[in-house]
């Protein structure tokens, strides 16, 4: 694994480049927190299955034993397989376990997952659970295969995530600190009329410039050299001066 890849795995705030050339940054959830969310969800599922199974078993005296067994099997199927699907495809984007620990399932673009993606990623949990201790579907899953795939991928994706194109992220990410750059010593009017989004980008540049090294500020400013008319440190100074000019006229 390269040094850059190793650093990306250590830093959970990972950049993901989309097909359109746009880069998004998502804070990827690691195996430990995801394991905790899975444990909470399993406890909720089994508690519901046992409680509902007990209630349905009592109805066997009225509807018959075979009917009660059929209802219990149907209830077990929906709770075990469809519980995570409905919650992850819904407005929460997370099961109760993930919600409690502040996690959410999203597409790699950061947008909510579709119902089809939720079905695919969760129905592949059976493969992630292998090898099983015991026999058949009633064996106890070890999740050895799922954990192995999880730690081997850069964005901690299990088999279901890889197939569905999803990632698990922290739902609430603290805002990045704002360290403005030193104020410009002069003000310069922009040489052209700026659109609202361009004004916003220029303001964001000066607000975040204090977080970056001089080389990074120059690199970003060089992308706007058509506006500043300069490259290098001179371009940074001119952009900062234009931002100050715009702020004074608000």
Protein backbone atom coordinates (compact mmCIF):
# COMPACT_ATOMS: atom_id res chain seq x y z
CA UNK A 1 0.00 0.00 0.00
CA UNK A 2 1.40 3.41 -0.96
CA UNK A 3 2.15 6.14 1.55
CA UNK A 4 -0.72 8.28 0.21
CA UNK A 5 -3.17 5.40 0.52
CA UNK A 6 -2.01 4.74 4.08
CA UNK A 7 -2.56 8.37 5.01
CA UNK A 8 -6.06 8.31 3.51
CA UNK A 9 -6.97 5.31 5.65
CA UNK A 10 -5.66 7.01 8.79
CA UNK A 11 -7.58 10.18 7.97
CA UNK A 12 -11.30 9.35 8.06
CA UNK A 13 -12.08 12.55 6.14
CA UNK A 14 -11.41 11.06 2.72
CA UNK A 15 -11.72 12.75 -0.68
CA UNK A 16 -13.78 10.93 -3.32
CA UNK A 17 -13.54 12.10 -6.93
CA UNK A 18 -16.76 11.70 -8.89
CA UNK A 19 -17.05 10.97 -12.59
CA UNK A 20 -17.80 14.64 -13.30
CA UNK A 21 -14.42 15.64 -11.85
CA UNK A 22 -16.04 17.00 -8.67
CA UNK A 23 -14.39 16.05 -5.39
CA UNK A 24 -16.46 15.42 -2.25
CA UNK A 25 -15.06 14.79 1.23
CA UNK A 26 -16.82 12.26 3.48
CA UNK A 27 -15.87 11.26 7.01
CA UNK A 28 -15.81 7.48 6.74
CA UNK A 29 -16.87 5.39 9.75
CA UNK A 30 -14.40 2.74 10.90
CA UNK A 31 -14.94 -0.94 11.78
CA UNK A 32 -15.20 -0.46 15.56
CA UNK A 33 -18.11 1.97 15.47
CA UNK A 34 -19.86 0.00 12.73
CA UNK A 35 -19.49 -3.16 14.81
CA UNK A 36 -21.12 -1.39 17.74
CA UNK A 37 -24.04 -0.29 15.55
CA UNK A 38 -24.44 -3.86 14.29
CA UNK A 39 -24.51 -5.15 17.86
CA UNK A 40 -27.27 -2.70 18.80
CA UNK A 41 -29.29 -3.64 15.72
CA UNK A 42 -28.94 -7.37 16.40
CA UNK A 43 -30.11 -6.85 19.98
CA UNK A 44 -33.14 -4.87 18.77
CA UNK A 45 -33.99 -7.47 16.12
CA UNK A 46 -33.72 -10.43 18.48
CA UNK A 47 -35.68 -8.67 21.23
CA UNK A 48 -38.51 -7.95 18.78
CA UNK A 49 -38.40 -11.47 17.34
CA UNK A 50 -38.57 -13.10 20.78
CA UNK A 51 -41.35 -10.80 22.03
CA UNK A 52 -43.43 -11.10 18.86
CA UNK A 53 -42.77 -14.84 18.71
CA UNK A 54 -44.07 -15.26 22.26
CA UNK A 55 -47.23 -13.28 21.48
CA UNK A 56 -47.84 -15.20 18.24
CA UNK A 57 -47.28 -18.51 19.97
CA UNK A 58 -50.12 -17.65 22.33
CA UNK A 59 -52.40 -17.14 19.36
CA UNK A 60 -51.70 -20.73 18.35
CA UNK A 61 -54.40 -21.82 20.79
CA UNK A 62 -56.89 -19.83 18.70
CA UNK A 63 -55.68 -20.06 15.10
CA UNK A 64 -53.90 -23.39 15.36
CA UNK A 65 -50.28 -24.39 15.90
CA UNK A 66 -49.29 -24.62 12.22
CA UNK A 67 -50.74 -21.18 11.48
CA UNK A 68 -48.85 -19.69 14.43
CA UNK A 69 -45.59 -21.27 13.24
CA UNK A 70 -46.18 -19.80 9.77
CA UNK A 71 -46.80 -16.34 11.20
CA UNK A 72 -43.67 -16.56 13.35
CA UNK A 73 -41.57 -17.59 10.33
CA UNK A 74 -43.00 -14.74 8.25
CA UNK A 75 -42.37 -12.25 11.04
CA UNK A 76 -38.78 -13.50 11.46
CA UNK A 77 -38.13 -13.10 7.72
CA UNK A 78 -39.33 -9.50 7.61
CA UNK A 79 -37.56 -8.42 10.79
CA UNK A 80 -34.26 -10.13 9.99
CA UNK A 81 -33.98 -9.20 6.31
CA UNK A 82 -36.10 -6.08 5.78
CA UNK A 83 -35.57 -4.11 8.99
CA UNK A 84 -32.24 -2.56 7.81
CA UNK A 85 -33.53 -2.08 4.26
CA UNK A 86 -36.53 0.08 5.18
CA UNK A 87 -34.64 2.25 7.65
CA UNK A 88 -31.54 2.81 5.49
CA UNK A 89 -33.67 3.63 2.43
CA UNK A 90 -35.84 6.00 4.48
CA UNK A 91 -35.29 9.60 5.58
CA UNK A 92 -32.87 8.55 8.34
CA UNK A 93 -30.55 6.67 6.03
CA UNK A 94 -29.67 4.51 9.04
CA UNK A 95 -30.92 1.75 11.29
CA UNK A 96 -31.53 2.42 14.99
CA UNK A 97 -28.02 1.19 15.81
CA UNK A 98 -26.38 3.50 13.29
CA UNK A 99 -28.60 6.42 14.30
CA UNK A 100 -27.71 6.01 17.97
CA UNK A 101 -23.98 6.07 17.16
CA UNK A 102 -24.30 8.95 14.68
CA UNK A 103 -23.75 6.99 11.46
CA UNK A 104 -25.51 7.07 8.10
CA UNK A 105 -25.37 5.09 4.85
CA UNK A 106 -24.91 7.17 1.69
CA UNK A 107 -23.82 6.78 -1.90
CA UNK A 108 -20.20 7.58 -2.70
CA UNK A 109 -21.40 10.99 -3.90
CA UNK A 110 -22.79 11.70 -0.43
CA UNK A 111 -26.44 11.52 -1.57
CA UNK A 112 -29.03 9.22 0.07
CA UNK A 113 -29.08 5.61 -1.08
CA UNK A 114 -31.92 4.18 -3.16
CA UNK A 115 -34.22 1.34 -2.15
CA UNK A 116 -32.44 -0.98 -4.58
CA UNK A 117 -29.05 -0.16 -3.05
CA UNK A 118 -30.44 -0.80 0.43
CA UNK A 119 -31.74 -4.21 -0.67
CA UNK A 120 -28.44 -5.17 -2.32
CA UNK A 121 -26.14 -4.11 0.53
CA UNK A 122 -28.26 -5.76 3.22
CA UNK A 123 -29.13 -9.00 1.46
CA UNK A 124 -25.40 -9.57 1.00
CA UNK A 125 -24.99 -9.57 4.79
CA UNK A 126 -25.38 -13.34 4.60
CA UNK A 127 -22.11 -13.55 2.65
CA UNK A 128 -20.46 -11.09 5.05
CA UNK A 129 -21.49 -13.29 7.97
CA UNK A 130 -19.56 -16.33 6.74
CA UNK A 131 -18.09 -18.59 7.98
CA UNK A 132 -20.90 -19.81 10.24
CA UNK A 133 -20.55 -21.74 13.47
CA UNK A 134 -23.05 -24.53 13.03
CA UNK A 135 -25.05 -25.68 10.05
CA UNK A 136 -27.30 -23.95 7.55
CA UNK A 137 -29.04 -20.62 8.01
CA UNK A 138 -29.36 -21.20 11.77
CA UNK A 139 -25.60 -21.18 12.26
CA UNK A 140 -24.00 -18.35 14.24
CA UNK A 141 -22.34 -15.85 11.87
CA UNK A 142 -18.71 -14.99 12.64
CA UNK A 143 -18.58 -12.10 10.14
CA UNK A 144 -15.02 -13.16 9.37
CA UNK A 145 -15.43 -12.61 5.65
CA UNK A 146 -17.14 -9.23 6.11
CA UNK A 147 -14.50 -7.94 8.51
CA UNK A 148 -11.73 -9.12 6.20
CA UNK A 149 -13.17 -7.21 3.24
CA UNK A 150 -13.90 -4.19 5.45
CA UNK A 151 -10.33 -3.71 6.66
CA UNK A 152 -8.88 -4.47 3.21
CA UNK A 153 -10.71 -1.61 1.46
CA UNK A 154 -9.67 2.02 1.65
CA UNK A 155 -13.13 3.31 2.62
CA UNK A 156 -14.02 0.45 4.99
CA UNK A 157 -16.60 -1.03 2.65
CA UNK A 158 -17.90 -4.53 3.18
CA UNK A 159 -19.05 -6.74 0.29
CA UNK A 160 -22.55 -5.25 0.29
CA UNK A 161 -21.13 -1.71 0.14
CA UNK A 162 -18.86 -2.57 -2.76
CA UNK A 163 -21.71 -4.14 -4.72
CA UNK A 164 -24.17 -1.31 -4.01
CA UNK A 165 -21.68 1.58 -4.28
CA UNK A 166 -22.33 2.79 -0.73
CA UNK A 167 -20.26 3.95 2.25
CA UNK A 168 -21.01 4.44 5.94
CA UNK A 169 -20.15 7.91 7.22
CA UNK A 170 -20.45 9.99 10.38
CA UNK A 171 -23.84 11.70 10.18
CA UNK A 172 -22.80 14.86 12.00
CA UNK A 173 -19.40 16.26 11.10
CA UNK A 174 -18.18 19.27 13.09
CA UNK A 175 -17.69 22.33 10.87
CA UNK A 176 -14.21 23.12 9.71
CA UNK A 177 -12.59 25.95 11.68
CA UNK A 178 -12.34 29.32 10.03
CA UNK A 179 -8.93 30.95 10.23
CA UNK A 180 -9.01 33.99 7.97
CA UNK A 181 -5.89 35.14 6.21
CA UNK A 182 -4.29 38.45 7.23
CA UNK A 183 -6.33 41.40 5.92
CA UNK A 184 -5.20 42.95 2.68
CA UNK A 185 -3.32 46.22 2.92
CA UNK A 186 -5.35 47.67 0.06
CA UNK A 187 -8.63 47.17 -1.75
CA UNK A 188 -8.98 46.44 -5.44
CA UNK A 189 -12.20 46.39 -7.40
CA UNK A 190 -12.65 43.23 -9.45
CA UNK A 191 -11.95 43.86 -13.14
CA UNK A 192 -15.27 42.26 -14.12
CA UNK A 193 -18.74 41.75 -12.71
CA UNK A 194 -18.87 38.63 -10.51
CA UNK A 195 -21.75 36.21 -10.20
CA UNK A 196 -23.07 35.50 -6.66
CA UNK A 197 -21.36 32.10 -6.56
CA UNK A 198 -18.06 33.71 -7.59
CA UNK A 199 -18.38 36.27 -4.81
CA UNK A 200 -19.07 33.45 -2.36
CA UNK A 201 -16.03 31.50 -3.58
CA UNK A 202 -13.78 34.56 -3.25
CA UNK A 203 -15.02 35.15 0.30
CA UNK A 204 -14.47 31.46 1.17
CA UNK A 205 -10.91 31.70 -0.15
CA UNK A 206 -10.02 34.50 2.24
CA UNK A 207 -11.86 32.84 5.15
CA UNK A 208 -9.96 29.56 4.73
CA UNK A 209 -6.61 30.88 3.57
CA UNK A 210 -5.22 30.94 7.10
CA UNK A 211 -5.60 27.14 7.28
CA UNK A 212 -3.38 26.53 4.25
CA UNK A 213 0.31 26.75 3.64
CA UNK A 214 1.67 29.47 1.38
CA UNK A 215 2.16 26.94 -1.40
CA UNK A 216 -1.45 25.77 -1.15
CA UNK A 217 -2.76 29.36 -1.21
CA UNK A 218 -0.75 30.05 -4.34
CA UNK A 219 -1.92 26.85 -5.98
CA UNK A 220 -5.57 27.76 -5.43
CA UNK A 221 -5.11 31.40 -6.38
CA UNK A 222 -3.46 30.40 -9.66
CA UNK A 223 -6.75 28.83 -10.74
CA UNK A 224 -8.27 32.32 -10.59
CA UNK A 225 -5.44 34.09 -12.41
CA UNK A 226 -7.87 35.32 -15.08
CA UNK A 227 -9.60 37.30 -12.36
CA UNK A 228 -6.53 38.44 -10.42
CA UNK A 229 -4.32 39.03 -13.46
CA UNK A 230 -1.34 37.66 -11.53
CA UNK A 231 0.24 34.39 -10.50
CA UNK A 232 2.01 33.28 -7.36
CA UNK A 233 2.01 35.38 -4.18
CA UNK A 234 0.89 38.44 -6.14
CA UNK A 235 -2.26 36.60 -7.19
CA UNK A 236 -3.04 35.73 -3.57
CA UNK A 237 -2.62 39.38 -2.55
CA UNK A 238 -4.86 40.65 -5.35
CA UNK A 239 -7.62 38.14 -4.60
CA UNK A 240 -7.55 39.09 -0.91
CA UNK A 241 -7.71 42.77 -1.85
CA UNK A 242 -10.73 42.13 -4.10
CA UNK A 243 -12.48 40.22 -1.33
CA UNK A 244 -11.91 43.14 1.04
CA UNK A 245 -13.31 45.55 -1.56
CA UNK A 246 -16.45 43.42 -1.86
CA UNK A 247 -16.87 43.12 1.92
CA UNK A 248 -16.64 46.89 2.40
CA UNK A 249 -19.54 47.39 -0.01
CA UNK A 250 -21.94 45.00 1.63
